Amino acid sequence: MEYQLDILMYLQSIRNELLTSLFTFFTICTEVPVITVLTAMLYWCINKKAGQRILFALCGSLNINIGVKNFVKMARPIGLKGLESLRIETATGYSFPSGHTQTATTFWIAMMTQFKKAWVYIIGILMILGAGISRLYLAVHWPMDVIVGWFFGIVLSILFVKIFDYIDDSKSYYILIGIMLIFGVCTYFIGGEDFYKMFGLYTGFVLGYMVEDTYINFSTESEKKRKNIFAKNPSKFGGLGNRILRFVVGIISLLAVYLLLNYLEDTLAVKLEEVTNIFKYLKYTIVVFWGVAGAPAIFKLFKLA
């Protein structure tokens, strides 16, 4: 650990306001609100299949990240003598591997594989490197946490995208259920509040995907245009307006569901103290299910998609 601490101490020694602002930005860009907005925009408004692939990769990667963290139980460098950690409110749970780094890597590697554009590669590489280095600059992770987070993010992103494509093409839903059972067993035996949350994310995606794929089957604007290339007087403004309206309706409804479940959780916290983790699992299952299937059902109902 000594050489890893030396790296953190060096980064601390070069801190200044500009670098602190820059690396705080990189960290914020990998946190739940930002990732939620980006994936929702992609899934609801731009490219449905790309959004599904990235959501599946993120849900799988996050479960593995939390599982490894709660199994290894490595302490963070926070609180070490002479080391000042910044933005520690984002550093919850154990240290190995870095969740922020792995999330950023999973998301942007999946984006690169989907869109294969030079600007996506440039932004993606900057965000992946920036997220990892930011966790060291802020002194909330060890260098090995970040290195393994990068590795896991690359491998798991590619792996889960390939698994999703096979499932989507063959409609082999049993694979989704099988993976869900594996995550469920790991959650039960390894435990931890965060693991129940991540398992809820995966469960919500699986249930939402199967319901949406079977009964709703909404389309993003770009997909509609490809299917209807002979439509008369296509309106680019109308298409953009629909996308914006879908996003606004979707994000407001998603936020409403989340806040309602938070209220129920707070109200019932005392009575349900012994089953808190189960409630958190159900909360995140419902929230993700709504994002994947509930909001698209509203889009179809009001002819927004």
Protein backbone atom coordinates (compact mmCIF):
# COMPACT_ATOMS: atom_id res chain seq x y z
CA MET A 1 0.00 0.00 0.00
CA GLU A 2 2.94 2.35 0.54
CA TYR A 3 3.52 3.12 -3.15
CA GLN A 4 -0.22 3.65 -3.64
CA LEU A 5 -0.29 6.11 -0.76
CA ASP A 6 2.69 7.92 -2.30
CA ILE A 7 0.65 8.45 -5.48
CA LEU A 8 -2.26 9.89 -3.52
CA MET A 9 0.05 12.16 -1.53
CA TYR A 10 1.66 13.43 -4.73
CA LEU A 11 -1.72 14.24 -6.28
CA GLN A 12 -2.68 16.03 -3.08
CA SER A 13 0.51 18.11 -3.30
CA ILE A 14 -0.40 19.50 -6.76
CA ARG A 15 -4.00 20.45 -5.91
CA ASN A 16 -5.26 23.85 -6.92
CA GLU A 17 -8.70 25.39 -7.51
CA LEU A 18 -8.71 24.70 -11.25
CA LEU A 19 -7.73 21.02 -10.91
CA THR A 20 -10.14 20.49 -8.03
CA SER A 21 -13.01 21.91 -10.09
CA LEU A 22 -12.02 19.84 -13.11
CA PHE A 23 -11.79 16.51 -11.27
CA THR A 24 -14.95 17.25 -9.26
CA PHE A 25 -16.69 17.68 -12.62
CA PHE A 26 -15.42 14.29 -13.82
CA THR A 27 -16.66 12.64 -10.64
CA ILE A 28 -20.09 14.29 -10.86
CA CYS A 29 -20.46 13.10 -14.47
CA THR A 30 -20.39 9.46 -13.29
CA GLU A 31 -22.98 9.84 -10.52
CA VAL A 32 -26.59 8.67 -10.57
CA PRO A 33 -28.38 11.89 -11.66
CA VAL A 34 -26.11 12.45 -14.69
CA ILE A 35 -26.05 8.79 -15.79
CA THR A 36 -29.83 8.58 -15.35
CA VAL A 37 -30.44 11.64 -17.56
CA LEU A 38 -28.01 10.45 -20.27
CA THR A 39 -29.36 6.89 -20.45
CA ALA A 40 -32.99 8.06 -20.29
CA MET A 41 -32.41 10.53 -23.11
CA LEU A 42 -30.73 7.86 -25.21
CA TYR A 43 -33.35 5.17 -24.54
CA TRP A 44 -36.48 7.32 -24.79
CA CYS A 45 -35.47 9.84 -27.43
CA ILE A 46 -32.53 8.85 -29.60
CA ASN A 47 -31.94 5.12 -30.09
CA LYS A 48 -34.01 2.60 -28.14
CA LYS A 49 -31.80 -0.46 -28.77
CA ALA A 50 -28.58 1.38 -27.95
CA GLY A 51 -30.22 2.59 -24.74
CA GLN A 52 -31.28 -0.94 -23.81
CA ARG A 53 -27.79 -2.31 -24.43
CA ILE A 54 -26.17 0.38 -22.30
CA LEU A 55 -28.73 0.01 -19.49
CA PHE A 56 -28.21 -3.75 -19.43
CA ALA A 57 -24.42 -3.34 -19.36
CA LEU A 58 -24.65 -0.80 -16.54
CA CYS A 59 -27.02 -2.93 -14.44
CA GLY A 60 -24.82 -6.00 -14.82
CA SER A 61 -21.58 -4.13 -14.20
CA LEU A 62 -22.91 -2.37 -11.10
CA ASN A 63 -24.05 -5.66 -9.56
CA ILE A 64 -20.63 -7.20 -10.07
CA ASN A 65 -18.89 -4.08 -8.75
CA ILE A 66 -20.93 -4.05 -5.53
CA GLY A 67 -20.61 -7.82 -5.14
CA VAL A 68 -16.82 -7.66 -5.34
CA LYS A 69 -16.72 -4.64 -3.00
CA ASN A 70 -18.83 -6.34 -0.33
CA PHE A 71 -16.89 -9.59 -0.68
CA VAL A 72 -13.37 -8.10 -0.52
CA LYS A 73 -14.29 -5.36 2.00
CA MET A 74 -11.23 -3.20 1.39
CA ALA A 75 -11.11 0.05 3.38
CA ARG A 76 -10.81 3.37 1.59
CA PRO A 77 -7.84 5.71 2.12
CA ILE A 78 -10.18 8.23 3.74
CA GLY A 79 -8.99 9.33 7.18
CA LEU A 80 -5.34 8.37 6.78
CA LYS A 81 -2.92 10.68 8.55
CA GLY A 82 -1.74 13.51 6.32
CA LEU A 83 -4.25 12.71 3.56
CA GLU A 84 -7.21 15.03 2.98
CA SER A 85 -10.03 13.34 1.05
CA LEU A 86 -12.47 15.56 -0.84
CA ARG A 87 -16.13 15.06 -1.73
CA ILE A 88 -16.34 12.12 0.66
CA GLU A 89 -20.15 12.15 0.51
CA THR A 90 -19.82 10.35 -2.84
CA ALA A 91 -17.49 7.73 -1.35
CA THR A 92 -19.88 5.24 0.24
CA GLY A 93 -19.23 1.58 0.90
CA TYR A 94 -15.96 -0.23 0.40
CA SER A 95 -13.06 0.77 -1.82
CA PHE A 96 -12.21 -2.06 -4.26
CA PRO A 97 -12.93 -1.66 -7.15
CA SER A 98 -13.86 1.96 -7.86
CA GLY A 99 -17.57 2.22 -8.66
CA HIS A 100 -17.31 5.65 -10.30
CA THR A 101 -14.47 4.45 -12.53
CA GLN A 102 -16.21 1.22 -13.48
CA THR A 103 -19.51 2.99 -14.18
CA ALA A 104 -17.89 5.63 -16.41
CA THR A 105 -15.90 2.97 -18.26
CA THR A 106 -18.91 0.68 -18.75
CA PHE A 107 -21.08 3.54 -20.02
CA TRP A 108 -18.58 5.06 -22.43
CA ILE A 109 -17.20 1.78 -23.78
CA ALA A 110 -20.80 0.76 -24.53
CA MET A 111 -21.37 4.15 -26.21
CA MET A 112 -18.27 3.67 -28.35
CA THR A 113 -19.36 0.20 -29.47
CA GLN A 114 -22.83 1.51 -30.37
CA PHE A 115 -22.05 4.71 -32.26
CA LYS A 116 -18.46 4.34 -33.54
CA LYS A 117 -18.02 8.09 -34.08
CA ALA A 118 -14.75 9.96 -33.61
CA TRP A 119 -16.32 12.49 -31.21
CA VAL A 120 -17.79 9.66 -29.10
CA TYR A 121 -14.34 8.04 -28.84
CA ILE A 122 -12.71 11.34 -27.87
CA ILE A 123 -15.29 12.21 -25.21
CA GLY A 124 -15.42 8.63 -23.99
CA ILE A 125 -11.67 8.30 -23.48
CA LEU A 126 -11.54 11.67 -21.69
CA MET A 127 -14.42 10.72 -19.40
CA ILE A 128 -13.00 7.26 -18.62
CA LEU A 129 -9.54 8.60 -17.78
CA GLY A 130 -10.95 11.65 -16.01
CA ALA A 131 -13.30 9.61 -13.81
CA GLY A 132 -10.53 7.28 -12.67
CA ILE A 133 -7.94 9.95 -12.03
CA SER A 134 -10.54 12.09 -10.23
CA ARG A 135 -11.06 9.37 -7.62
CA LEU A 136 -7.32 9.42 -6.90
CA TYR A 137 -7.07 13.22 -6.96
CA LEU A 138 -9.95 13.43 -4.48
CA ALA A 139 -8.20 10.72 -2.39
CA VAL A 140 -11.24 8.47 -2.02
CA HIS A 141 -9.77 5.40 -3.75
CA TRP A 142 -6.50 3.53 -4.03
CA PRO A 143 -4.80 3.38 -7.47
CA MET A 144 -5.48 -0.38 -7.68
CA ASP A 145 -9.21 0.30 -7.22
CA VAL A 146 -9.15 2.53 -10.28
CA ILE A 147 -7.05 0.18 -12.43
CA VAL A 148 -9.37 -2.75 -11.72
CA GLY A 149 -12.41 -0.48 -12.24
CA TRP A 150 -11.11 0.36 -15.73
CA PHE A 151 -10.48 -3.31 -16.49
CA PHE A 152 -13.87 -4.50 -15.22
CA GLY A 153 -15.64 -1.67 -17.02
CA ILE A 154 -14.10 -2.54 -20.40
CA VAL A 155 -14.58 -6.30 -20.14
CA LEU A 156 -18.07 -6.23 -18.62
CA SER A 157 -19.37 -3.58 -21.01
CA ILE A 158 -18.37 -5.62 -24.06
CA LEU A 159 -19.58 -8.88 -22.48
CA PHE A 160 -23.01 -7.64 -21.38
CA VAL A 161 -23.67 -5.89 -24.71
CA LYS A 162 -22.97 -9.16 -26.54
CA ILE A 163 -25.19 -11.10 -24.12
CA PHE A 164 -28.00 -8.59 -24.60
CA ASP A 165 -27.75 -8.74 -28.40
CA TYR A 166 -28.05 -12.53 -28.30
CA ILE A 167 -31.03 -12.36 -25.94
CA ASP A 168 -32.73 -9.64 -27.98
CA ASP A 169 -32.29 -11.50 -31.27
CA SER A 170 -33.31 -14.92 -29.95
CA LYS A 171 -35.83 -13.74 -27.32
CA SER A 172 -34.09 -16.05 -24.85
CA TYR A 173 -35.58 -14.42 -21.76
CA TYR A 174 -34.51 -17.38 -19.63
CA ILE A 175 -30.91 -16.09 -19.81
CA LEU A 176 -32.02 -12.82 -18.22
CA ILE A 177 -33.81 -14.77 -15.49
CA GLY A 178 -30.79 -17.01 -14.98
CA ILE A 179 -28.46 -14.05 -14.50
CA MET A 180 -31.04 -12.51 -12.16
CA LEU A 181 -31.06 -15.67 -10.03
CA ILE A 182 -27.25 -15.64 -9.82
CA PHE A 183 -27.26 -11.99 -8.70
CA GLY A 184 -30.06 -12.78 -6.24
CA VAL A 185 -28.10 -15.62 -4.61
CA CYS A 186 -24.99 -13.43 -4.38
CA THR A 187 -27.04 -10.60 -2.86
CA TYR A 188 -28.50 -12.93 -0.24
CA PHE A 189 -25.18 -14.48 0.82
CA ILE A 190 -22.87 -11.46 0.47
CA GLY A 191 -25.43 -8.89 1.62
CA GLY A 192 -25.15 -5.15 2.02
CA GLU A 193 -27.66 -2.36 1.40
CA ASP A 194 -25.99 -1.29 -1.85
CA PHE A 195 -26.12 -4.82 -3.22
CA TYR A 196 -29.90 -4.93 -2.69
CA LYS A 197 -30.19 -1.63 -4.56
CA MET A 198 -28.12 -2.85 -7.50
CA PHE A 199 -30.02 -6.14 -7.61
CA GLY A 200 -33.19 -4.05 -7.77
CA LEU A 201 -31.78 -2.14 -10.75
CA TYR A 202 -31.13 -5.37 -12.62
CA THR A 203 -34.51 -6.89 -11.71
CA GLY A 204 -36.32 -3.73 -12.79
CA PHE A 205 -34.51 -3.74 -16.13
CA VAL A 206 -35.24 -7.43 -16.79
CA LEU A 207 -38.95 -7.16 -15.95
CA GLY A 208 -39.29 -3.84 -17.75
CA TYR A 209 -37.49 -5.08 -20.86
CA MET A 210 -39.63 -8.21 -21.15
CA VAL A 211 -42.89 -6.27 -20.66
CA GLU A 212 -41.87 -3.51 -23.07
CA ASP A 213 -40.60 -5.94 -25.69
CA THR A 214 -43.72 -8.12 -25.51
CA TYR A 215 -46.59 -5.68 -24.99
CA ILE A 216 -45.45 -2.07 -25.64
CA ASN A 217 -42.70 -2.03 -28.27
CA PHE A 218 -42.34 1.73 -28.63
CA SER A 219 -39.97 3.23 -31.21
CA THR A 220 -37.62 6.17 -31.07
CA GLU A 221 -38.06 8.90 -33.67
CA SER A 222 -35.00 7.87 -35.67
CA GLU A 223 -36.28 4.30 -35.92
CA LYS A 224 -39.70 5.51 -37.12
CA LYS A 225 -38.10 7.55 -39.88
CA ARG A 226 -36.15 4.55 -41.12
CA LYS A 227 -39.32 2.46 -41.25
CA ASN A 228 -41.35 5.18 -42.96
CA ILE A 229 -38.99 6.76 -45.47
CA PHE A 230 -41.86 7.60 -47.83
CA ALA A 231 -43.81 9.66 -45.28
CA LYS A 232 -45.10 12.92 -46.76
CA ASN A 233 -43.68 16.20 -45.55
CA PRO A 234 -41.60 14.88 -42.67
CA SER A 235 -41.13 17.56 -40.04
CA LYS A 236 -37.77 17.73 -38.36
CA PHE A 237 -39.13 20.22 -35.87
CA GLY A 238 -42.06 17.93 -35.07
CA GLY A 239 -39.67 15.03 -34.54
CA LEU A 240 -37.49 17.11 -32.22
CA GLY A 241 -40.58 18.35 -30.40
CA ASN A 242 -41.73 14.77 -29.80
CA ARG A 243 -38.32 13.81 -28.47
CA ILE A 244 -38.26 16.73 -26.07
CA LEU A 245 -41.81 16.02 -24.94
CA ARG A 246 -41.02 12.33 -24.42
CA PHE A 247 -38.03 13.22 -22.28
CA VAL A 248 -39.95 15.78 -20.20
CA VAL A 249 -42.90 13.43 -19.63
CA GLY A 250 -40.60 10.50 -18.93
CA ILE A 251 -38.28 12.25 -16.49
CA ILE A 252 -41.15 13.90 -14.57
CA SER A 253 -43.02 10.60 -14.24
CA LEU A 254 -39.82 8.80 -13.21
CA LEU A 255 -39.06 11.44 -10.59
CA ALA A 256 -42.65 11.23 -9.30
CA VAL A 257 -42.39 7.45 -8.88
CA TYR A 258 -39.03 7.79 -7.12
CA LEU A 259 -40.26 10.50 -4.74
CA LEU A 260 -43.43 8.55 -3.93
CA LEU A 261 -41.40 5.45 -3.07
CA ASN A 262 -39.00 7.56 -1.01
CA TYR A 263 -41.96 8.97 0.93
CA LEU A 264 -43.28 5.46 1.58
CA GLU A 265 -39.82 4.34 2.66
CA ASP A 266 -39.48 7.23 5.11
CA THR A 267 -43.01 6.76 6.42
CA LEU A 268 -42.65 3.04 6.97
CA ALA A 269 -38.99 3.05 8.01
CA VAL A 270 -39.67 2.37 11.69
CA LYS A 271 -42.26 -0.34 11.10
CA LEU A 272 -40.18 -2.04 8.40
CA GLU A 273 -36.77 -1.73 10.03
CA GLU A 274 -36.15 -5.47 9.87
CA VAL A 275 -36.91 -5.60 6.13
CA THR A 276 -35.25 -2.35 5.04
CA ASN A 277 -33.08 -4.04 2.40
CA ILE A 278 -36.08 -5.79 0.87
CA PHE A 279 -37.92 -2.47 0.60
CA LYS A 280 -34.88 -0.84 -1.05
CA TYR A 281 -34.72 -3.74 -3.50
CA LEU A 282 -38.41 -3.29 -4.37
CA LYS A 283 -38.01 0.50 -4.64
CA TYR A 284 -35.22 0.31 -7.19
CA THR A 285 -36.97 -2.50 -9.05
CA ILE A 286 -40.08 -0.36 -9.46
CA VAL A 287 -38.16 2.78 -10.44
CA VAL A 288 -36.17 1.05 -13.19
CA PHE A 289 -39.22 -0.91 -14.34
CA TRP A 290 -41.06 2.39 -14.74
CA GLY A 291 -38.21 3.91 -16.74
CA VAL A 292 -37.93 0.91 -19.06
CA ALA A 293 -41.62 0.01 -19.50
CA GLY A 294 -43.90 2.45 -17.67
CA ALA A 295 -42.78 5.67 -19.33
CA PRO A 296 -42.78 4.08 -22.84
CA ALA A 297 -46.35 2.90 -22.19
CA ILE A 298 -47.31 6.55 -21.57
CA PHE A 299 -45.52 7.55 -24.79
CA LYS A 300 -47.58 5.02 -26.74
CA LEU A 301 -50.81 5.96 -24.97
CA PHE A 302 -50.46 9.65 -25.86
CA LYS A 303 -48.98 8.95 -29.31
CA LEU A 304 -45.58 10.41 -28.48
CA ALA A 305 -43.77 7.37 -29.89
